[in-house]
Amino acid sequence: MEYTQLGRTGLKVSRIVLGTMNFGPRTDEADSHAIMDAALDAGVNFFDTANVYGWGENKGRTEEIIGSWLARGGGRREKVVLATKVFGNMGPDGADWPNHDRLSAVNIRRAVDASLQRLRTDHIDLYQFHHVDRTTPWDEIWQAIDVLVQQGKIVYAGSSNHAGWHIAQANEAARRRGSYGLVSEQCLYNLAERRAEMEVVPAAEAYGLGVIPWSPLQGGLLGGVIRKEREGGGAAGRSSEALANTKVREQVQAYEDLLDKHGLEPGEVALAWLLTRPGVTGPIVGPRTGEQLSSALRAVELKLPEELLTELDGIFPGPGPSPEAFAW
């Protein structure tokens, strides 16, 4: 496994991030534990979750599964960089109660204590804002975070699904307070969805945030979906909807044909491509099985030649930097 520092921090994290969103809804507790064991054995030390994972009536279930795994001991907690998120409504009895969502100081305080209890740990290494809260001022958010840092309940704060100007606004507010500010941004970013390159990635680089791409396979679109169709597997969810677009299907077909020529697996190349991108800490992979984890791990060792990178840019061109992407 390769490691890198998370943004401007001194924290070293694996270049593959273990996403846990499937733990509970799609992968049972025993299999989830087995995947986490395998990831840790392979050197993956960066685990990502969120308080709402489990969804619906089972919100919080994913954190509970991770907590039961950490409670097995064996140095698990000491080896893992643990990240979770706050924003979604976690009201009692599954109801959307006021003040049980977003980023008010009240909810942040309540939510972190609940996550710590479910995770069975005394601290969270990276506490992330799952979405932008347009109703709470950054001074209030940073006041709450500073208290949690002083209490030892969290170490770093990060963002998710924030625009470039939100990152700038957040870290300028933190600077005025003498707070450390955001150290990471978790965003939608992959070969087929490169709009983050216009402003989000440059803002993250300018402010010293590590970029953590989610959905690195664009919902399976970059994982050999057309090949699977031919083999009778079929496309599902976002992949099926996307392939209904003729241009998208042509791009994906060209992508798969190119990688067939090089004898490479599409999903592994999609992950390896992200690892070549400036500012990227590591993509989040959400394996449902051990084999899916093994495939993601192989991507770290895959070195893409410049010729192939150029060909990939030809199939999935980036938008270019801002403002050149939309101005002269």
Protein backbone atom coordinates (compact mmCIF):
# COMPACT_ATOMS: atom_id res chain seq x y z
CA MET A 1 0.00 0.00 0.00
CA GLU A 2 1.13 3.54 -0.73
CA TYR A 3 0.51 6.39 1.69
CA THR A 4 0.29 10.14 1.40
CA GLN A 5 -0.32 13.05 3.73
CA LEU A 6 -3.89 14.28 4.06
CA GLY A 7 -3.77 17.76 2.58
CA ARG A 8 -1.53 20.11 4.53
CA THR A 9 -1.63 17.93 7.66
CA GLY A 10 1.06 15.58 8.89
CA LEU A 11 -1.44 12.70 8.92
CA LYS A 12 -0.50 9.76 6.67
CA VAL A 13 -3.37 7.92 4.99
CA SER A 14 -3.63 5.12 2.44
CA ARG A 15 -4.17 6.02 -1.20
CA ILE A 16 -7.30 3.89 -1.20
CA VAL A 17 -10.08 4.95 1.16
CA LEU A 18 -12.43 2.24 2.40
CA GLY A 19 -16.01 3.46 1.94
CA THR A 20 -18.56 1.75 4.14
CA MET A 21 -21.92 2.92 2.76
CA ASN A 22 -22.85 -0.67 1.80
CA PHE A 23 -22.26 -1.99 5.32
CA GLY A 24 -25.69 -2.79 6.67
CA PRO A 25 -27.95 -2.08 3.68
CA ARG A 26 -26.17 -4.43 1.24
CA THR A 27 -23.42 -6.21 3.20
CA ASP A 28 -24.21 -7.91 6.50
CA GLU A 29 -22.18 -7.40 9.67
CA ALA A 30 -20.05 -10.55 9.35
CA ASP A 31 -19.07 -9.81 5.74
CA SER A 32 -18.47 -6.14 6.59
CA HIS A 33 -16.07 -7.21 9.35
CA ALA A 34 -14.29 -9.53 6.92
CA ILE A 35 -13.88 -6.70 4.38
CA MET A 36 -12.48 -4.37 7.04
CA ASP A 37 -10.07 -7.08 8.21
CA ALA A 38 -8.89 -7.64 4.64
CA ALA A 39 -8.50 -3.91 4.03
CA LEU A 40 -6.45 -3.44 7.17
CA ASP A 41 -4.31 -6.49 6.37
CA ALA A 42 -3.61 -4.92 2.96
CA GLY A 43 -2.50 -1.67 4.60
CA VAL A 44 -5.65 0.40 4.01
CA ASN A 45 -5.81 2.63 7.09
CA PHE A 46 -8.35 5.29 5.98
CA PHE A 47 -11.99 4.29 6.70
CA ASP A 48 -14.86 6.60 5.75
CA THR A 49 -18.47 6.54 6.91
CA ALA A 50 -21.35 8.88 7.83
CA ASN A 51 -23.88 9.05 10.62
CA VAL A 52 -26.81 8.58 8.20
CA TYR A 53 -25.43 5.44 6.54
CA GLY A 54 -27.78 2.55 7.00
CA TRP A 55 -30.51 4.90 5.74
CA GLY A 56 -34.18 5.18 6.61
CA GLU A 57 -35.12 3.40 9.80
CA ASN A 58 -31.59 2.01 10.01
CA LYS A 59 -29.73 5.34 10.06
CA GLY A 60 -26.59 4.89 12.14
CA ARG A 61 -26.37 1.14 11.48
CA THR A 62 -23.14 1.44 9.47
CA GLU A 63 -21.38 3.26 12.30
CA GLU A 64 -22.58 0.53 14.66
CA ILE A 65 -21.07 -2.17 12.44
CA ILE A 66 -17.75 -0.33 12.37
CA GLY A 67 -17.97 0.15 16.13
CA SER A 68 -18.48 -3.57 16.76
CA TRP A 69 -15.45 -4.27 14.54
CA LEU A 70 -13.29 -1.74 16.40
CA ALA A 71 -14.42 -3.24 19.72
CA ARG A 72 -12.81 -6.55 18.78
CA GLY A 73 -9.48 -4.94 19.64
CA GLY A 74 -6.21 -6.16 18.24
CA GLY A 75 -5.00 -2.61 17.69
CA ARG A 76 -7.72 -1.89 15.16
CA ARG A 77 -8.54 1.59 16.43
CA GLU A 78 -4.88 2.56 16.72
CA LYS A 79 -4.22 1.54 13.10
CA VAL A 80 -7.25 3.20 11.52
CA VAL A 81 -7.78 6.82 10.51
CA LEU A 82 -11.51 7.06 11.15
CA ALA A 83 -13.68 9.54 9.25
CA THR A 84 -17.40 10.16 9.57
CA LYS A 85 -19.85 12.89 8.56
CA VAL A 86 -22.58 15.11 9.95
CA PHE A 87 -25.50 16.87 8.24
CA GLY A 88 -28.42 14.52 7.62
CA ASN A 89 -31.33 14.38 10.05
CA MET A 90 -30.79 11.87 12.85
CA GLY A 91 -33.91 12.71 14.84
CA PRO A 92 -35.19 10.27 17.46
CA ASP A 93 -37.52 7.46 16.33
CA GLY A 94 -36.48 8.07 12.73
CA ALA A 95 -38.44 11.34 12.56
CA ASP A 96 -37.00 14.49 10.98
CA TRP A 97 -36.97 16.58 14.13
CA PRO A 98 -35.78 20.22 14.04
CA ASN A 99 -32.20 20.78 15.24
CA HIS A 100 -31.21 17.18 14.51
CA ASP A 101 -29.67 18.00 11.14
CA ARG A 102 -27.39 20.49 9.40
CA LEU A 103 -24.47 22.25 11.08
CA SER A 104 -25.79 24.28 14.00
CA ALA A 105 -23.58 24.16 17.07
CA VAL A 106 -26.38 22.29 18.84
CA ASN A 107 -26.57 19.57 16.21
CA ILE A 108 -22.81 19.23 15.80
CA ARG A 109 -22.44 18.72 19.54
CA ARG A 110 -25.29 16.19 19.65
CA ALA A 111 -24.25 14.37 16.48
CA VAL A 112 -20.61 13.87 17.40
CA ASP A 113 -21.51 12.33 20.77
CA ALA A 114 -23.97 9.96 19.06
CA SER A 115 -21.38 8.94 16.45
CA LEU A 116 -18.76 8.32 19.12
CA GLN A 117 -21.20 6.05 20.94
CA ARG A 118 -22.07 4.06 17.82
CA LEU A 119 -18.43 3.82 16.74
CA ARG A 120 -17.34 2.79 20.24
CA THR A 121 -14.40 5.14 20.26
CA ASP A 122 -13.36 8.23 22.17
CA HIS A 123 -12.39 10.31 19.14
CA ILE A 124 -12.98 10.78 15.41
CA ASP A 125 -9.93 11.57 13.31
CA LEU A 126 -11.72 13.40 10.48
CA TYR A 127 -15.16 14.92 11.08
CA GLN A 128 -16.70 15.98 7.77
CA PHE A 129 -19.57 18.30 6.88
CA HIS A 130 -21.64 16.09 4.57
CA HIS A 131 -23.15 19.04 2.70
CA VAL A 132 -23.21 22.83 2.66
CA ASP A 133 -25.37 24.44 5.36
CA ARG A 134 -26.57 27.71 3.88
CA THR A 135 -28.37 28.68 7.10
CA THR A 136 -25.54 28.47 9.64
CA PRO A 137 -22.66 30.99 9.67
CA TRP A 138 -19.12 29.63 9.51
CA ASP A 139 -18.20 31.38 12.77
CA GLU A 140 -20.78 29.24 14.58
CA ILE A 141 -19.58 26.07 12.87
CA TRP A 142 -15.93 26.75 13.71
CA GLN A 143 -16.77 27.66 17.30
CA ALA A 144 -18.40 24.24 17.69
CA ILE A 145 -15.51 22.44 15.99
CA ASP A 146 -12.88 24.24 18.07
CA VAL A 147 -14.62 23.09 21.24
CA LEU A 148 -14.68 19.48 20.01
CA VAL A 149 -10.99 19.63 19.13
CA GLN A 150 -10.19 21.02 22.59
CA GLN A 151 -12.26 18.25 24.15
CA GLY A 152 -10.33 15.64 22.17
CA LYS A 153 -13.47 14.33 20.45
CA ILE A 154 -12.25 15.14 16.93
CA VAL A 155 -8.85 15.87 15.42
CA TYR A 156 -9.51 17.39 11.99
CA ALA A 157 -12.49 18.80 10.09
CA GLY A 158 -13.28 18.27 6.42
CA SER A 159 -16.00 19.08 3.92
CA SER A 160 -18.01 17.09 1.41
CA ASN A 161 -19.98 18.28 -1.62
CA HIS A 162 -18.77 21.87 -1.19
CA ALA A 163 -18.12 24.27 -4.06
CA GLY A 164 -14.76 25.97 -4.48
CA TRP A 165 -16.07 29.23 -3.07
CA HIS A 166 -17.46 27.41 -0.02
CA ILE A 167 -13.99 26.03 0.68
CA ALA A 168 -12.54 29.53 0.40
CA GLN A 169 -15.27 31.02 2.59
CA ALA A 170 -14.84 28.32 5.22
CA ASN A 171 -11.08 28.57 5.49
CA GLU A 172 -11.01 32.37 5.44
CA ALA A 173 -13.50 32.34 8.34
CA ALA A 174 -11.30 29.81 10.14
CA ARG A 175 -8.22 31.96 9.54
CA ARG A 176 -9.89 35.00 11.12
CA ARG A 177 -10.63 32.92 14.23
CA GLY A 178 -7.21 31.32 14.40
CA SER A 179 -8.83 27.94 13.69
CA TYR A 180 -7.19 25.25 11.56
CA GLY A 181 -10.01 25.03 9.04
CA LEU A 182 -10.87 22.34 6.52
CA VAL A 183 -8.20 19.78 5.68
CA SER A 184 -10.10 17.73 3.07
CA GLU A 185 -12.90 17.88 0.53
CA GLN A 186 -14.86 14.78 -0.46
CA CYS A 187 -16.43 15.35 -3.86
CA LEU A 188 -17.90 13.64 -6.90
CA TYR A 189 -14.92 13.20 -9.23
CA ASN A 190 -14.02 10.58 -11.81
CA LEU A 191 -13.05 10.18 -15.47
CA ALA A 192 -16.62 10.68 -16.65
CA GLU A 193 -17.43 13.51 -14.20
CA ARG A 194 -14.60 16.04 -14.15
CA ARG A 195 -16.36 19.32 -13.33
CA ALA A 196 -14.57 19.39 -9.96
CA GLU A 197 -11.42 20.29 -11.91
CA MET A 198 -12.82 23.74 -12.70
CA GLU A 199 -12.90 25.20 -9.19
CA VAL A 200 -13.22 22.61 -6.40
CA VAL A 201 -9.86 20.91 -6.94
CA PRO A 202 -7.94 24.19 -7.45
CA ALA A 203 -9.54 25.67 -4.30
CA ALA A 204 -8.64 22.55 -2.34
CA GLU A 205 -5.04 22.72 -3.55
CA ALA A 206 -4.78 26.44 -2.76
CA TYR A 207 -6.02 25.96 0.81
CA GLY A 208 -4.14 22.73 1.47
CA LEU A 209 -7.08 20.31 1.41
CA GLY A 210 -6.73 16.72 0.32
CA VAL A 211 -9.28 15.74 -2.35
CA ILE A 212 -11.17 12.51 -1.66
CA PRO A 213 -13.23 11.51 -4.73
CA TRP A 214 -16.46 9.61 -4.17
CA SER A 215 -18.15 7.45 -6.82
CA PRO A 216 -14.83 6.89 -8.65
CA LEU A 217 -16.56 4.49 -11.06
CA GLN A 218 -19.49 6.88 -11.67
CA GLY A 219 -22.03 4.46 -10.27
CA GLY A 220 -20.49 1.50 -12.13
CA LEU A 221 -20.33 3.24 -15.51
CA LEU A 222 -16.52 2.96 -15.58
CA GLY A 223 -16.42 -0.60 -14.26
CA GLY A 224 -16.86 -2.48 -17.55
CA VAL A 225 -20.61 -2.04 -17.71
CA ILE A 226 -21.01 -2.70 -21.46
CA ARG A 227 -18.93 -5.87 -21.20
CA LYS A 228 -21.19 -6.99 -18.36
CA GLU A 229 -24.21 -6.25 -20.54
CA ARG A 230 -22.84 -8.54 -23.24
CA GLU A 231 -22.23 -11.25 -20.67
CA GLY A 232 -25.82 -11.00 -19.47
CA GLY A 233 -25.13 -9.07 -16.29
CA GLY A 234 -26.91 -5.92 -17.36
CA ALA A 235 -26.48 -2.38 -16.11
CA ALA A 236 -28.24 -1.07 -13.04
CA GLY A 237 -29.16 2.23 -11.43
CA ARG A 238 -27.23 5.26 -12.64
CA SER A 239 -25.28 3.16 -15.18
CA SER A 240 -28.44 2.07 -16.96
CA GLU A 241 -29.81 5.61 -17.07
CA ALA A 242 -26.50 7.04 -18.31
CA LEU A 243 -26.10 4.46 -21.08
CA ALA A 244 -29.47 5.52 -22.50
CA ASN A 245 -27.60 8.61 -23.70
CA THR A 246 -26.02 7.76 -27.06
CA LYS A 247 -22.96 9.97 -26.53
CA VAL A 248 -22.28 8.45 -23.12
CA ARG A 249 -22.61 4.91 -24.48
CA GLU A 250 -20.16 5.75 -27.29
CA GLN A 251 -17.67 7.15 -24.77
CA VAL A 252 -17.94 4.13 -22.49
CA GLN A 253 -17.61 1.75 -25.46
CA ALA A 254 -14.47 3.59 -26.61
CA TYR A 255 -13.12 3.43 -23.05
CA GLU A 256 -13.68 -0.30 -22.76
CA ASP A 257 -12.27 -0.96 -26.26
CA LEU A 258 -9.13 1.02 -25.42
CA LEU A 259 -8.52 -0.90 -22.21
CA ASP A 260 -9.22 -4.23 -23.92
CA LYS A 261 -6.43 -3.33 -26.33
CA HIS A 262 -4.08 -2.77 -23.36
CA GLY A 263 -5.32 -5.81 -21.45
CA LEU A 264 -6.49 -3.69 -18.51
CA GLU A 265 -9.56 -3.82 -16.28
CA PRO A 266 -11.82 -0.73 -16.59
CA GLY A 267 -12.58 -0.34 -12.88
CA GLU A 268 -8.92 -0.59 -11.91
CA VAL A 269 -7.91 1.98 -14.54
CA ALA A 270 -10.60 4.41 -13.35
CA LEU A 271 -9.15 4.26 -9.83
CA ALA A 272 -5.55 4.42 -11.03
CA TRP A 273 -6.37 7.48 -13.16
CA LEU A 274 -7.64 9.34 -10.09
CA LEU A 275 -4.38 8.55 -8.31
CA THR A 276 -2.53 10.48 -11.04
CA ARG A 277 -4.61 13.63 -10.55
CA PRO A 278 -3.16 16.65 -8.73
CA GLY A 279 -4.41 17.12 -5.20
CA VAL A 280 -6.09 13.71 -4.93
CA THR A 281 -5.46 11.91 -1.64
CA GLY A 282 -7.25 8.73 -2.66
CA PRO A 283 -10.59 7.62 -4.07
CA ILE A 284 -13.28 6.08 -1.88
CA VAL A 285 -14.11 2.51 -2.81
CA GLY A 286 -17.22 0.86 -1.43
CA PRO A 287 -16.74 -2.88 -1.86
CA ARG A 288 -19.65 -5.22 -1.26
CA THR A 289 -17.39 -8.26 -1.54
CA GLY A 290 -13.78 -9.24 -0.91
CA GLU A 291 -13.10 -9.55 -4.65
CA GLN A 292 -14.21 -5.95 -5.21
CA LEU A 293 -11.76 -4.87 -2.53
CA SER A 294 -8.95 -6.89 -4.15
CA SER A 295 -9.63 -5.19 -7.48
CA ALA A 296 -9.42 -1.76 -5.87
CA LEU A 297 -6.14 -2.65 -4.18
CA ARG A 298 -4.60 -3.68 -7.51
CA ALA A 299 -5.27 -0.18 -8.81
CA VAL A 300 -2.68 1.29 -6.42
CA GLU A 301 0.05 -0.74 -8.11
CA LEU A 302 -1.14 0.09 -11.62
CA LYS A 303 1.03 2.71 -13.34
CA LEU A 304 -0.63 4.26 -16.37
CA PRO A 305 1.71 5.32 -19.21
CA GLU A 306 1.49 8.87 -20.53
CA GLU A 307 0.22 7.62 -23.89
CA LEU A 308 -2.74 5.92 -22.21
CA LEU A 309 -3.47 8.99 -20.07
CA THR A 310 -3.59 11.11 -23.24
CA GLU A 311 -5.97 8.64 -24.88
CA LEU A 312 -8.22 8.68 -21.81
CA ASP A 313 -8.32 12.49 -21.96
CA GLY A 314 -9.42 12.17 -25.57
CA ILE A 315 -12.38 9.99 -24.60
CA PHE A 316 -13.33 11.88 -21.43
CA PRO A 317 -11.99 15.43 -21.85
CA GLY A 318 -11.84 17.58 -18.76
CA PRO A 319 -13.61 20.95 -18.61
CA GLY A 320 -10.39 22.90 -18.15
CA PRO A 321 -9.66 25.32 -15.30
CA SER A 322 -11.85 28.23 -14.26
CA PRO A 323 -12.43 30.79 -15.73
CA GLU A 324 -10.99 29.51 -19.02
CA ALA A 325 -13.56 26.70 -19.02
CA PHE A 326 -16.37 29.19 -19.54
CA ALA A 327 -14.70 32.47 -20.55
CA TRP A 328 -12.16 33.64 -23.13
